Amino acid sequence: MTPLALIIQPRGGHVEGSDRALDQGRNAERFDFLRGRGVLLHPQDGSGISRASQILVASAAVEETVPDVQAARRIGASIITRARLLAQLINRAGLGIGVAGTSGKSTTVGMIGWILHCAGRSPTIMNGADMKNFIDLDSPFASARVGDGDVFVTEVDDATRGASELLPNVGDGRSQAAAA
């Protein structure tokens, strides 16, 4: 969810979140990085879901028994899947590029993103891993990059139970790009 937060927050969204790893005291540097980007973090006890106007984005790994899900249902907050939010982002892009497969997705997304960046296309990239070419002092966790262009590059995965909603221009067999 870190990449989604890093993309939504600078685009004007208000991002809050919880994570089991936060509650367990793991990945402190990553959570501090998110806080530094303006993301408000809560324990995963339902306390962060307090307004019906909130939208809970839940990955396929989040069970109905998680207190945040129960709190959202109790107060009438909207719940959408991570896959649906990703589909909305890629489908709004002028050029959506989805990378699927059983292995190599993160590497391929990073390579495509870097090539587009070097070509001056300023892509938005959402990756499942940190992209070494984009790591710097300001972004030690570069699993996402918000670009100025109309290109969105991301991993797509059937396991997210929503890949069918993704309509990338490249990567789904209906490519609008010409092979060179």
Protein backbone atom coordinates (compact mmCIF):
# COMPACT_ATOMS: atom_id res chain seq x y z
CA MET A 1 0.00 0.00 0.00
CA THR A 2 3.01 2.31 0.36
CA PRO A 3 3.16 2.98 -3.39
CA LEU A 4 -0.53 3.90 -3.49
CA ALA A 5 -0.07 6.30 -0.58
CA LEU A 6 2.95 7.87 -2.29
CA ILE A 7 0.90 8.43 -5.46
CA ILE A 8 -2.41 9.57 -3.92
CA GLN A 9 -1.00 11.98 -1.29
CA PRO A 10 0.89 14.33 -3.68
CA ARG A 11 -2.11 14.36 -6.01
CA GLY A 12 -4.15 16.04 -3.30
CA GLY A 13 -5.62 13.03 -1.54
CA HIS A 14 -5.64 12.83 2.23
CA VAL A 15 -4.05 9.51 3.13
CA GLU A 16 -4.28 7.76 6.47
CA GLY A 17 -3.49 4.15 7.11
CA SER A 18 -2.75 1.25 9.38
CA ASP A 19 -0.62 -1.85 9.06
CA ARG A 20 0.07 -4.93 11.12
CA ALA A 21 3.78 -4.30 10.73
CA LEU A 22 3.33 -0.87 12.34
CA ASP A 23 1.57 -2.44 15.31
CA GLN A 24 4.34 -5.03 15.58
CA GLY A 25 7.11 -2.41 15.52
CA ARG A 26 8.51 -3.61 12.17
CA ASN A 27 9.59 -1.42 9.20
CA ALA A 28 9.94 1.70 11.35
CA GLU A 29 12.03 3.51 8.73
CA ARG A 30 9.37 3.01 6.05
CA PHE A 31 6.61 4.24 8.37
CA ASP A 32 8.68 7.27 9.37
CA PHE A 33 9.18 7.98 5.66
CA LEU A 34 5.41 7.88 5.10
CA ARG A 35 4.80 10.16 8.08
CA GLY A 36 7.34 12.57 6.62
CA ARG A 37 5.26 12.62 3.43
CA GLY A 38 2.16 13.63 5.40
CA VAL A 39 0.56 10.20 5.77
CA LEU A 40 -1.20 9.86 9.13
CA LEU A 41 -0.73 6.38 10.58
CA HIS A 42 -2.99 4.64 13.09
CA PRO A 43 -2.89 1.34 14.95
CA GLN A 44 -4.88 -1.37 13.17
CA ASP A 45 -7.55 -1.32 15.85
CA GLY A 46 -10.31 0.57 14.00
CA SER A 47 -9.53 3.92 15.64
CA GLY A 48 -8.40 5.45 12.34
CA ILE A 49 -11.80 4.89 10.73
CA SER A 50 -13.99 7.49 12.37
CA ARG A 51 -15.92 9.25 9.58
CA ALA A 52 -18.43 7.95 7.05
CA SER A 53 -16.72 10.19 4.46
CA GLN A 54 -13.55 8.09 4.64
CA ILE A 55 -12.74 5.47 2.03
CA LEU A 56 -11.05 2.32 3.27
CA VAL A 57 -8.75 0.77 0.68
CA ALA A 58 -8.17 -2.86 1.58
CA SER A 59 -5.88 -5.35 -0.09
CA ALA A 60 -6.92 -8.95 -0.69
CA ALA A 61 -4.90 -9.86 2.42
CA VAL A 62 -7.17 -7.85 4.75
CA GLU A 63 -9.78 -10.08 6.34
CA GLU A 64 -13.31 -9.04 7.32
CA THR A 65 -12.30 -9.57 10.95
CA VAL A 66 -9.74 -6.73 10.86
CA PRO A 67 -11.01 -3.94 13.17
CA ASP A 68 -10.56 -1.28 10.45
CA VAL A 69 -12.94 -3.16 8.14
CA GLN A 70 -15.43 -3.68 10.95
CA ALA A 71 -15.27 0.03 11.88
CA ALA A 72 -15.81 1.09 8.26
CA ARG A 73 -18.85 -1.15 7.95
CA ARG A 74 -20.21 0.05 11.30
CA ILE A 75 -20.07 3.77 10.40
CA GLY A 76 -20.94 3.39 6.72
CA ALA A 77 -17.56 4.35 5.24
CA SER A 78 -16.91 3.16 1.70
CA ILE A 79 -14.64 0.17 1.23
CA ILE A 80 -12.85 -0.44 -2.05
CA THR A 81 -10.20 -2.94 -2.96
CA ARG A 82 -6.62 -2.05 -3.69
CA ALA A 83 -7.17 -3.55 -7.14
CA ARG A 84 -10.13 -1.24 -7.85
CA LEU A 85 -8.16 1.86 -6.81
CA LEU A 86 -5.26 0.74 -8.98
CA ALA A 87 -7.69 0.19 -11.87
CA GLN A 88 -9.05 3.72 -11.45
CA LEU A 89 -5.53 5.17 -11.57
CA ILE A 90 -4.35 3.23 -14.61
CA ASN A 91 -7.63 3.66 -16.49
CA ARG A 92 -7.46 7.47 -16.10
CA ALA A 93 -3.94 7.62 -17.52
CA GLY A 94 -3.40 8.67 -21.10
CA LEU A 95 -1.11 5.68 -21.52
CA GLY A 96 -1.50 2.86 -19.02
CA ILE A 97 1.12 0.12 -19.02
CA GLY A 98 0.40 -3.02 -17.03
CA VAL A 99 3.04 -5.69 -16.42
CA ALA A 100 1.77 -9.17 -15.51
CA GLY A 101 3.39 -12.55 -15.09
CA THR A 102 4.65 -15.02 -12.54
CA SER A 103 8.05 -13.44 -12.00
CA GLY A 104 10.01 -10.37 -13.02
CA LYS A 105 7.14 -7.87 -12.77
CA SER A 106 8.91 -5.48 -10.39
CA THR A 107 12.10 -5.51 -12.42
CA THR A 108 10.22 -4.98 -15.67
CA VAL A 109 8.12 -2.14 -14.24
CA GLY A 110 11.31 -0.48 -12.95
CA MET A 111 13.03 -0.85 -16.32
CA ILE A 112 10.05 0.51 -18.30
CA GLY A 113 9.68 3.37 -15.84
CA TRP A 114 13.38 4.24 -16.05
CA ILE A 115 13.37 4.15 -19.86
CA LEU A 116 10.30 6.42 -19.99
CA HIS A 117 11.87 8.73 -17.41
CA CYS A 118 15.09 8.97 -19.44
CA ALA A 119 13.03 9.61 -22.57
CA GLY A 120 11.44 12.64 -20.87
CA ARG A 121 7.94 11.11 -20.49
CA SER A 122 7.83 11.67 -16.68
CA PRO A 123 5.77 8.55 -15.90
CA THR A 124 3.94 7.75 -12.71
CA ILE A 125 5.21 4.36 -11.57
CA MET A 126 3.72 2.01 -9.02
CA ASN A 127 5.90 -0.95 -8.22
CA GLY A 128 5.94 -3.88 -5.82
CA ALA A 129 9.59 -3.22 -4.98
CA ASP A 130 11.86 -0.25 -4.48
CA MET A 131 13.39 0.91 -7.76
CA LYS A 132 17.11 1.46 -7.27
CA ASN A 133 17.39 3.98 -10.11
CA PHE A 134 14.93 6.28 -8.34
CA ILE A 135 16.32 5.98 -4.79
CA ASP A 136 17.89 9.17 -3.47
CA LEU A 137 18.12 11.06 -0.18
CA ASP A 138 14.55 12.33 -0.54
CA SER A 139 13.17 8.95 -1.61
CA PRO A 140 14.96 6.09 0.15
CA PHE A 141 11.86 3.94 -0.47
CA ALA A 142 11.21 4.35 -4.18
CA SER A 143 8.39 1.89 -4.80
CA ALA A 144 6.44 4.69 -6.46
CA ARG A 145 7.20 7.78 -8.47
CA VAL A 146 4.72 10.51 -9.30
CA GLY A 147 5.38 11.91 -12.73
CA ASP A 148 4.09 14.93 -14.58
CA GLY A 149 3.24 13.03 -17.74
CA ASP A 150 0.19 11.04 -18.76
CA VAL A 151 1.92 7.63 -18.49
CA PHE A 152 1.14 5.21 -15.65
CA VAL A 153 3.25 2.05 -15.31
CA THR A 154 2.35 -0.63 -12.79
CA GLU A 155 2.38 -4.29 -11.92
CA VAL A 156 -0.91 -6.09 -12.42
CA ASP A 157 -1.70 -9.30 -10.63
CA ASP A 158 -4.73 -11.59 -10.87
CA ALA A 159 -4.36 -12.31 -7.16
CA THR A 160 -5.64 -8.82 -6.36
CA ARG A 161 -9.14 -9.95 -7.41
CA GLY A 162 -9.67 -6.95 -9.62
CA ALA A 163 -7.22 -7.21 -12.46
CA SER A 164 -10.21 -7.58 -14.80
CA GLU A 165 -11.06 -3.92 -14.10
CA LEU A 166 -7.65 -2.79 -15.32
CA LEU A 167 -7.69 -1.52 -18.87
CA PRO A 168 -4.06 -0.74 -19.70
CA ASN A 169 -3.24 0.50 -23.18
CA VAL A 170 -0.17 -1.73 -23.20
CA GLY A 171 -0.02 -5.17 -21.65
CA ASP A 172 -3.49 -6.60 -22.13
CA GLY A 173 -3.47 -7.88 -25.69
CA ARG A 174 -5.25 -4.77 -27.01
CA SER A 175 -2.10 -2.70 -27.21
CA GLN A 176 -2.38 0.66 -28.89
CA ALA A 177 1.39 0.88 -29.12
CA ALA A 178 3.11 -0.10 -32.33
CA ALA A 179 6.03 -2.47 -32.14
CA ALA A 180 9.23 -0.89 -33.37
